[in-house]
Amino acid sequence: MNKLLKKSLILAGALVLVLSLAAPAFAAGAPAGGEDPAQSESVEDSTIGLKAIAAGIAVGVAAAGGAVGMGLATAKSTESIARQPEAEGKVRTTLMLGLVFIETAIIYALLVVILIIFVL
């Protein structure tokens, strides 16, 4: 239990760090009509950089979550096949279907990131 608590606290700390780094993205305001064009370009460049950081974090979290899910599913299916070898076909079919759904969720996250980069 102590190890689980320690890992949870480390994960929570990492999440707080990531969210605190993303906070400036919400603080940027739209440039007013009378501002210097050079300053407007720097705001636009800053926005592009923040989009890139957000996209990288989003893809990283999606890929990490998918990798953990796939690893757990594979481990449990191997354990299940070892216990009941006669159910190998059914277990393998269910495993493959689950892995496809996990991979689809990761691809959806990638599509959302692409939309963030090119549309917003």
N, C-alpha and C. Protein backbone atom coordinates (compact mmCIF):
# COMPACT_ATOMS: atom_id res chain seq x y z
N MET A 1 0.83 -1.19 0.00
CA MET A 1 0.00 0.00 0.00
C MET A 1 0.87 1.25 0.00
N ASN A 2 1.99 1.20 0.69
CA ASN A 2 2.87 2.35 0.79
C ASN A 2 3.45 2.71 -0.57
N LYS A 3 3.82 1.69 -1.37
CA LYS A 3 4.37 1.95 -2.70
C LYS A 3 3.32 2.58 -3.61
N LEU A 4 2.07 2.09 -3.50
CA LEU A 4 1.00 2.64 -4.32
C LEU A 4 0.74 4.10 -3.97
N LEU A 5 0.77 4.43 -2.70
CA LEU A 5 0.57 5.81 -2.27
C LEU A 5 1.70 6.70 -2.78
N LYS A 6 2.92 6.19 -2.69
CA LYS A 6 4.08 6.96 -3.16
C LYS A 6 3.99 7.22 -4.67
N LYS A 7 3.63 6.18 -5.44
CA LYS A 7 3.48 6.34 -6.88
C LYS A 7 2.36 7.31 -7.22
N SER A 8 1.26 7.23 -6.47
CA SER A 8 0.14 8.14 -6.70
C SER A 8 0.54 9.59 -6.45
N LEU A 9 1.30 9.82 -5.40
CA LEU A 9 1.75 11.18 -5.09
C LEU A 9 2.71 11.70 -6.16
N ILE A 10 3.58 10.84 -6.67
CA ILE A 10 4.49 11.26 -7.74
C ILE A 10 3.71 11.59 -8.99
N LEU A 11 2.72 10.77 -9.33
CA LEU A 11 1.88 11.03 -10.51
C LEU A 11 1.09 12.32 -10.35
N ALA A 12 0.55 12.55 -9.16
CA ALA A 12 -0.19 13.79 -8.90
C ALA A 12 0.73 15.00 -9.01
N GLY A 13 1.95 14.89 -8.51
CA GLY A 13 2.90 15.99 -8.62
C GLY A 13 3.27 16.28 -10.06
N ALA A 14 3.45 15.24 -10.86
CA ALA A 14 3.75 15.43 -12.28
C ALA A 14 2.58 16.09 -12.99
N LEU A 15 1.35 15.68 -12.64
CA LEU A 15 0.18 16.29 -13.25
C LEU A 15 0.05 17.76 -12.89
N VAL A 16 0.31 18.11 -11.65
CA VAL A 16 0.27 19.52 -11.23
C VAL A 16 1.34 20.32 -11.98
N LEU A 17 2.52 19.74 -12.16
CA LEU A 17 3.58 20.42 -12.89
C LEU A 17 3.17 20.68 -14.33
N VAL A 18 2.60 19.68 -14.98
CA VAL A 18 2.18 19.83 -16.38
C VAL A 18 1.08 20.88 -16.49
N LEU A 19 0.13 20.87 -15.58
CA LEU A 19 -0.96 21.85 -15.64
C LEU A 19 -0.45 23.26 -15.33
N SER A 20 0.53 23.38 -14.46
CA SER A 20 1.06 24.71 -14.17
C SER A 20 1.85 25.26 -15.36
N LEU A 21 2.47 24.37 -16.14
CA LEU A 21 3.16 24.83 -17.34
C LEU A 21 2.19 25.24 -18.43
N ALA A 22 1.00 24.67 -18.43
CA ALA A 22 0.00 25.00 -19.45
C ALA A 22 -0.80 26.26 -19.09
N ALA A 23 -0.70 26.76 -17.87
CA ALA A 23 -1.48 27.92 -17.43
C ALA A 23 -1.26 29.17 -18.27
N PRO A 24 -0.05 29.50 -18.74
CA PRO A 24 0.10 30.70 -19.56
C PRO A 24 -0.69 30.67 -20.86
N ALA A 25 -1.04 29.51 -21.33
CA ALA A 25 -1.83 29.41 -22.56
C ALA A 25 -3.21 30.04 -22.37
N PHE A 26 -3.74 29.95 -21.15
CA PHE A 26 -5.05 30.51 -20.89
C PHE A 26 -4.99 32.00 -20.56
N ALA A 27 -3.83 32.53 -20.26
CA ALA A 27 -3.69 33.92 -19.86
C ALA A 27 -3.49 34.86 -21.04
N ALA A 28 -3.15 34.34 -22.21
CA ALA A 28 -2.88 35.18 -23.37
C ALA A 28 -4.18 35.80 -23.86
N GLY A 29 -4.16 37.12 -24.07
CA GLY A 29 -5.32 37.83 -24.56
C GLY A 29 -5.15 38.20 -26.03
N ALA A 30 -6.23 38.59 -26.65
CA ALA A 30 -6.18 39.01 -28.05
C ALA A 30 -5.58 40.41 -28.13
N PRO A 31 -4.71 40.67 -29.13
CA PRO A 31 -4.13 42.00 -29.25
C PRO A 31 -5.18 43.02 -29.66
N ALA A 32 -5.07 44.22 -29.10
CA ALA A 32 -6.00 45.29 -29.43
C ALA A 32 -5.66 45.86 -30.80
N GLY A 33 -6.58 46.62 -31.38
CA GLY A 33 -6.39 47.15 -32.73
C GLY A 33 -5.26 48.16 -32.83
N GLY A 34 -4.93 48.89 -31.77
CA GLY A 34 -3.93 49.95 -31.84
C GLY A 34 -2.52 49.51 -31.45
N GLU A 35 -2.29 48.23 -31.28
CA GLU A 35 -0.98 47.77 -30.85
C GLU A 35 0.00 47.69 -32.00
N ASP A 36 1.25 47.62 -31.65
CA ASP A 36 2.34 47.49 -32.61
C ASP A 36 2.26 46.13 -33.32
N PRO A 37 2.41 46.07 -34.65
CA PRO A 37 2.33 44.79 -35.36
C PRO A 37 3.42 43.82 -34.93
N ALA A 38 4.58 44.31 -34.55
CA ALA A 38 5.66 43.42 -34.11
C ALA A 38 5.26 42.69 -32.83
N GLN A 39 4.58 43.39 -31.93
CA GLN A 39 4.13 42.77 -30.69
C GLN A 39 3.03 41.74 -30.99
N SER A 40 2.19 42.02 -31.97
CA SER A 40 1.15 41.08 -32.37
C SER A 40 1.76 39.80 -32.91
N GLU A 41 2.87 39.92 -33.67
CA GLU A 41 3.53 38.73 -34.21
C GLU A 41 4.14 37.90 -33.09
N SER A 42 4.68 38.56 -32.05
CA SER A 42 5.27 37.79 -30.95
C SER A 42 4.20 37.04 -30.17
N VAL A 43 3.00 37.63 -30.05
CA VAL A 43 1.90 36.93 -29.39
C VAL A 43 1.50 35.72 -30.21
N GLU A 44 1.46 35.87 -31.53
CA GLU A 44 1.10 34.75 -32.41
C GLU A 44 2.15 33.64 -32.34
N ASP A 45 3.43 34.02 -32.32
CA ASP A 45 4.49 33.01 -32.20
C ASP A 45 4.40 32.28 -30.87
N SER A 46 4.07 33.01 -29.81
CA SER A 46 3.93 32.39 -28.50
C SER A 46 2.77 31.40 -28.50
N THR A 47 1.70 31.76 -29.18
CA THR A 47 0.55 30.86 -29.25
C THR A 47 0.89 29.58 -29.99
N ILE A 48 1.65 29.69 -31.05
CA ILE A 48 2.06 28.50 -31.80
C ILE A 48 2.92 27.59 -30.93
N GLY A 49 3.82 28.18 -30.18
CA GLY A 49 4.66 27.38 -29.29
C GLY A 49 3.85 26.68 -28.21
N LEU A 50 2.87 27.38 -27.66
CA LEU A 50 2.04 26.76 -26.63
C LEU A 50 1.17 25.65 -27.20
N LYS A 51 0.71 25.83 -28.44
CA LYS A 51 -0.03 24.75 -29.10
C LYS A 51 0.85 23.52 -29.26
N ALA A 52 2.10 23.73 -29.63
CA ALA A 52 3.02 22.61 -29.81
C ALA A 52 3.26 21.89 -28.49
N ILE A 53 3.42 22.64 -27.41
CA ILE A 53 3.61 22.02 -26.09
C ILE A 53 2.37 21.24 -25.68
N ALA A 54 1.20 21.84 -25.87
CA ALA A 54 -0.05 21.16 -25.51
C ALA A 54 -0.24 19.90 -26.35
N ALA A 55 0.10 19.97 -27.63
CA ALA A 55 -0.05 18.81 -28.50
C ALA A 55 0.89 17.69 -28.06
N GLY A 56 2.11 18.04 -27.72
CA GLY A 56 3.07 17.04 -27.26
C GLY A 56 2.62 16.37 -25.97
N ILE A 57 2.12 17.16 -25.04
CA ILE A 57 1.64 16.60 -23.77
C ILE A 57 0.44 15.70 -24.01
N ALA A 58 -0.49 16.13 -24.87
CA ALA A 58 -1.69 15.33 -25.13
C ALA A 58 -1.35 13.99 -25.77
N VAL A 59 -0.48 14.00 -26.77
CA VAL A 59 -0.10 12.74 -27.42
C VAL A 59 0.68 11.86 -26.45
N GLY A 60 1.53 12.46 -25.64
CA GLY A 60 2.30 11.69 -24.66
C GLY A 60 1.41 11.01 -23.64
N VAL A 61 0.43 11.73 -23.12
CA VAL A 61 -0.48 11.15 -22.13
C VAL A 61 -1.32 10.05 -22.76
N ALA A 62 -1.82 10.29 -23.98
CA ALA A 62 -2.62 9.27 -24.66
C ALA A 62 -1.80 8.02 -24.94
N ALA A 63 -0.58 8.21 -25.42
CA ALA A 63 0.27 7.05 -25.72
C ALA A 63 0.66 6.30 -24.45
N ALA A 64 0.96 7.03 -23.38
CA ALA A 64 1.33 6.38 -22.12
C ALA A 64 0.15 5.60 -21.55
N GLY A 65 -1.03 6.20 -21.57
CA GLY A 65 -2.21 5.50 -21.07
C GLY A 65 -2.53 4.27 -21.89
N GLY A 66 -2.43 4.41 -23.21
CA GLY A 66 -2.67 3.26 -24.08
C GLY A 66 -1.65 2.15 -23.87
N ALA A 67 -0.39 2.53 -23.67
CA ALA A 67 0.66 1.53 -23.46
C ALA A 67 0.44 0.78 -22.15
N VAL A 68 0.05 1.49 -21.10
CA VAL A 68 -0.23 0.83 -19.82
C VAL A 68 -1.43 -0.11 -19.97
N GLY A 69 -2.48 0.36 -20.64
CA GLY A 69 -3.66 -0.48 -20.85
C GLY A 69 -3.35 -1.72 -21.66
N MET A 70 -2.56 -1.55 -22.72
CA MET A 70 -2.20 -2.70 -23.55
C MET A 70 -1.32 -3.68 -22.78
N GLY A 71 -0.41 -3.18 -21.99
CA GLY A 71 0.44 -4.05 -21.19
C GLY A 71 -0.35 -4.85 -20.18
N LEU A 72 -1.27 -4.20 -19.50
CA LEU A 72 -2.10 -4.91 -18.51
C LEU A 72 -2.98 -5.95 -19.19
N ALA A 73 -3.58 -5.59 -20.32
CA ALA A 73 -4.44 -6.53 -21.03
C ALA A 73 -3.66 -7.75 -21.51
N THR A 74 -2.47 -7.52 -22.03
CA THR A 74 -1.64 -8.63 -22.50
C THR A 74 -1.21 -9.52 -21.34
N ALA A 75 -0.84 -8.92 -20.23
CA ALA A 75 -0.42 -9.70 -19.07
C ALA A 75 -1.57 -10.56 -18.54
N LYS A 76 -2.74 -9.97 -18.45
CA LYS A 76 -3.88 -10.72 -17.92
C LYS A 76 -4.32 -11.82 -18.88
N SER A 77 -4.24 -11.56 -20.17
CA SER A 77 -4.63 -12.60 -21.12
C SER A 77 -3.63 -13.75 -21.11
N THR A 78 -2.36 -13.46 -20.97
CA THR A 78 -1.35 -14.51 -20.87
C THR A 78 -1.57 -15.34 -19.61
N GLU A 79 -1.88 -14.66 -18.53
CA GLU A 79 -2.17 -15.36 -17.27
C GLU A 79 -3.40 -16.24 -17.41
N SER A 80 -4.41 -15.74 -18.10
CA SER A 80 -5.64 -16.50 -18.31
C SER A 80 -5.40 -17.73 -19.18
N ILE A 81 -4.61 -17.58 -20.22
CA ILE A 81 -4.29 -18.71 -21.10
C ILE A 81 -3.47 -19.75 -20.35
N ALA A 82 -2.59 -19.30 -19.47
CA ALA A 82 -1.79 -20.24 -18.69
C ALA A 82 -2.66 -21.05 -17.73
N ARG A 83 -3.71 -20.43 -17.21
CA ARG A 83 -4.59 -21.15 -16.29
C ARG A 83 -5.54 -22.09 -17.01
N GLN A 84 -6.06 -21.64 -18.18
CA GLN A 84 -7.00 -22.46 -18.93
C GLN A 84 -6.57 -22.51 -20.40
N PRO A 85 -5.68 -23.42 -20.75
CA PRO A 85 -5.19 -23.49 -22.12
C PRO A 85 -6.28 -23.81 -23.15
N GLU A 86 -7.34 -24.47 -22.73
CA GLU A 86 -8.40 -24.82 -23.68
C GLU A 86 -9.21 -23.60 -24.13
N ALA A 87 -9.14 -22.49 -23.38
CA ALA A 87 -9.88 -21.27 -23.74
C ALA A 87 -9.00 -20.28 -24.49
N GLU A 88 -7.89 -20.76 -25.04
CA GLU A 88 -6.93 -19.86 -25.70
C GLU A 88 -7.54 -19.07 -26.84
N GLY A 89 -8.33 -19.70 -27.67
CA GLY A 89 -8.92 -19.02 -28.83
C GLY A 89 -9.84 -17.87 -28.43
N LYS A 90 -10.70 -18.13 -27.45
CA LYS A 90 -11.64 -17.09 -27.00
C LYS A 90 -10.90 -15.93 -26.33
N VAL A 91 -9.91 -16.28 -25.52
CA VAL A 91 -9.15 -15.23 -24.82
C VAL A 91 -8.38 -14.38 -25.82
N ARG A 92 -7.75 -15.02 -26.79
CA ARG A 92 -6.97 -14.28 -27.78
C ARG A 92 -7.88 -13.37 -28.62
N THR A 93 -9.07 -13.85 -29.00
CA THR A 93 -9.99 -13.02 -29.77
C THR A 93 -10.42 -11.80 -28.97
N THR A 94 -10.75 -12.01 -27.71
CA THR A 94 -11.16 -10.88 -26.85
C THR A 94 -10.01 -9.91 -26.64
N LEU A 95 -8.80 -10.44 -26.48
CA LEU A 95 -7.63 -9.58 -26.31
C LEU A 95 -7.43 -8.70 -27.54
N MET A 96 -7.49 -9.30 -28.72
CA MET A 96 -7.26 -8.52 -29.94
C MET A 96 -8.32 -7.44 -30.11
N LEU A 97 -9.56 -7.75 -29.80
CA LEU A 97 -10.62 -6.75 -29.90
C LEU A 97 -10.38 -5.60 -28.91
N GLY A 98 -9.98 -5.93 -27.70
CA GLY A 98 -9.66 -4.89 -26.71
C GLY A 98 -8.49 -4.04 -27.12
N LEU A 99 -7.44 -4.66 -27.68
CA LEU A 99 -6.27 -3.89 -28.13
C LEU A 99 -6.64 -2.96 -29.28
N VAL A 100 -7.54 -3.40 -30.15
CA VAL A 100 -7.98 -2.53 -31.25
C VAL A 100 -8.72 -1.31 -30.70
N PHE A 101 -9.56 -1.51 -29.70
CA PHE A 101 -10.29 -0.37 -29.12
C PHE A 101 -9.33 0.60 -28.42
N ILE A 102 -8.33 0.09 -27.73
CA ILE A 102 -7.36 0.96 -27.08
C ILE A 102 -6.59 1.76 -28.12
N GLU A 103 -6.15 1.09 -29.18
CA GLU A 103 -5.39 1.78 -30.23
C GLU A 103 -6.26 2.82 -30.94
N THR A 104 -7.55 2.54 -31.09
CA THR A 104 -8.46 3.52 -31.70
C THR A 104 -8.56 4.77 -30.84
N ALA A 105 -8.59 4.61 -29.53
CA ALA A 105 -8.65 5.78 -28.64
C ALA A 105 -7.38 6.62 -28.78
N ILE A 106 -6.23 5.98 -28.95
CA ILE A 106 -4.98 6.71 -29.13
C ILE A 106 -4.99 7.47 -30.46
N ILE A 107 -5.51 6.84 -31.50
CA ILE A 107 -5.59 7.50 -32.81
C ILE A 107 -6.54 8.70 -32.74
N TYR A 108 -7.65 8.57 -32.00
CA TYR A 108 -8.56 9.72 -31.83
C TYR A 108 -7.84 10.87 -31.14
N ALA A 109 -7.02 10.57 -30.15
CA ALA A 109 -6.25 11.61 -29.47
C ALA A 109 -5.31 12.29 -30.45
N LEU A 110 -4.68 11.50 -31.32
CA LEU A 110 -3.80 12.08 -32.34
C LEU A 110 -4.58 13.00 -33.28
N LEU A 111 -5.77 12.61 -33.67
CA LEU A 111 -6.59 13.46 -34.54
C LEU A 111 -6.98 14.77 -33.84
N VAL A 112 -7.29 14.69 -32.57
CA VAL A 112 -7.62 15.91 -31.81
C VAL A 112 -6.41 16.84 -31.76
N VAL A 113 -5.23 16.28 -31.57
CA VAL A 113 -4.01 17.09 -31.53
C VAL A 113 -3.77 17.74 -32.89
N ILE A 114 -3.98 17.01 -33.96
CA ILE A 114 -3.82 17.59 -35.30
C ILE A 114 -4.81 18.74 -35.50
N LEU A 115 -6.03 18.57 -35.03
CA LEU A 115 -7.01 19.66 -35.12
C LEU A 115 -6.58 20.86 -34.30
N ILE A 116 -6.04 20.63 -33.12
CA ILE A 116 -5.57 21.74 -32.29
C ILE A 116 -4.48 22.52 -33.01
N ILE A 117 -3.55 21.80 -33.62
CA ILE A 117 -2.42 22.47 -34.27
C ILE A 117 -2.86 23.27 -35.49
N PHE A 118 -3.71 22.68 -36.33
CA PHE A 118 -4.00 23.33 -37.61
C PHE A 118 -5.28 24.15 -37.64
N VAL A 119 -6.22 23.92 -36.74
CA VAL A 119 -7.48 24.64 -36.79
C VAL A 119 -7.54 25.77 -35.77
N LEU A 120 -7.12 25.52 -34.56
CA LEU A 120 -7.22 26.56 -33.52
C LEU A 120 -6.14 27.61 -33.65
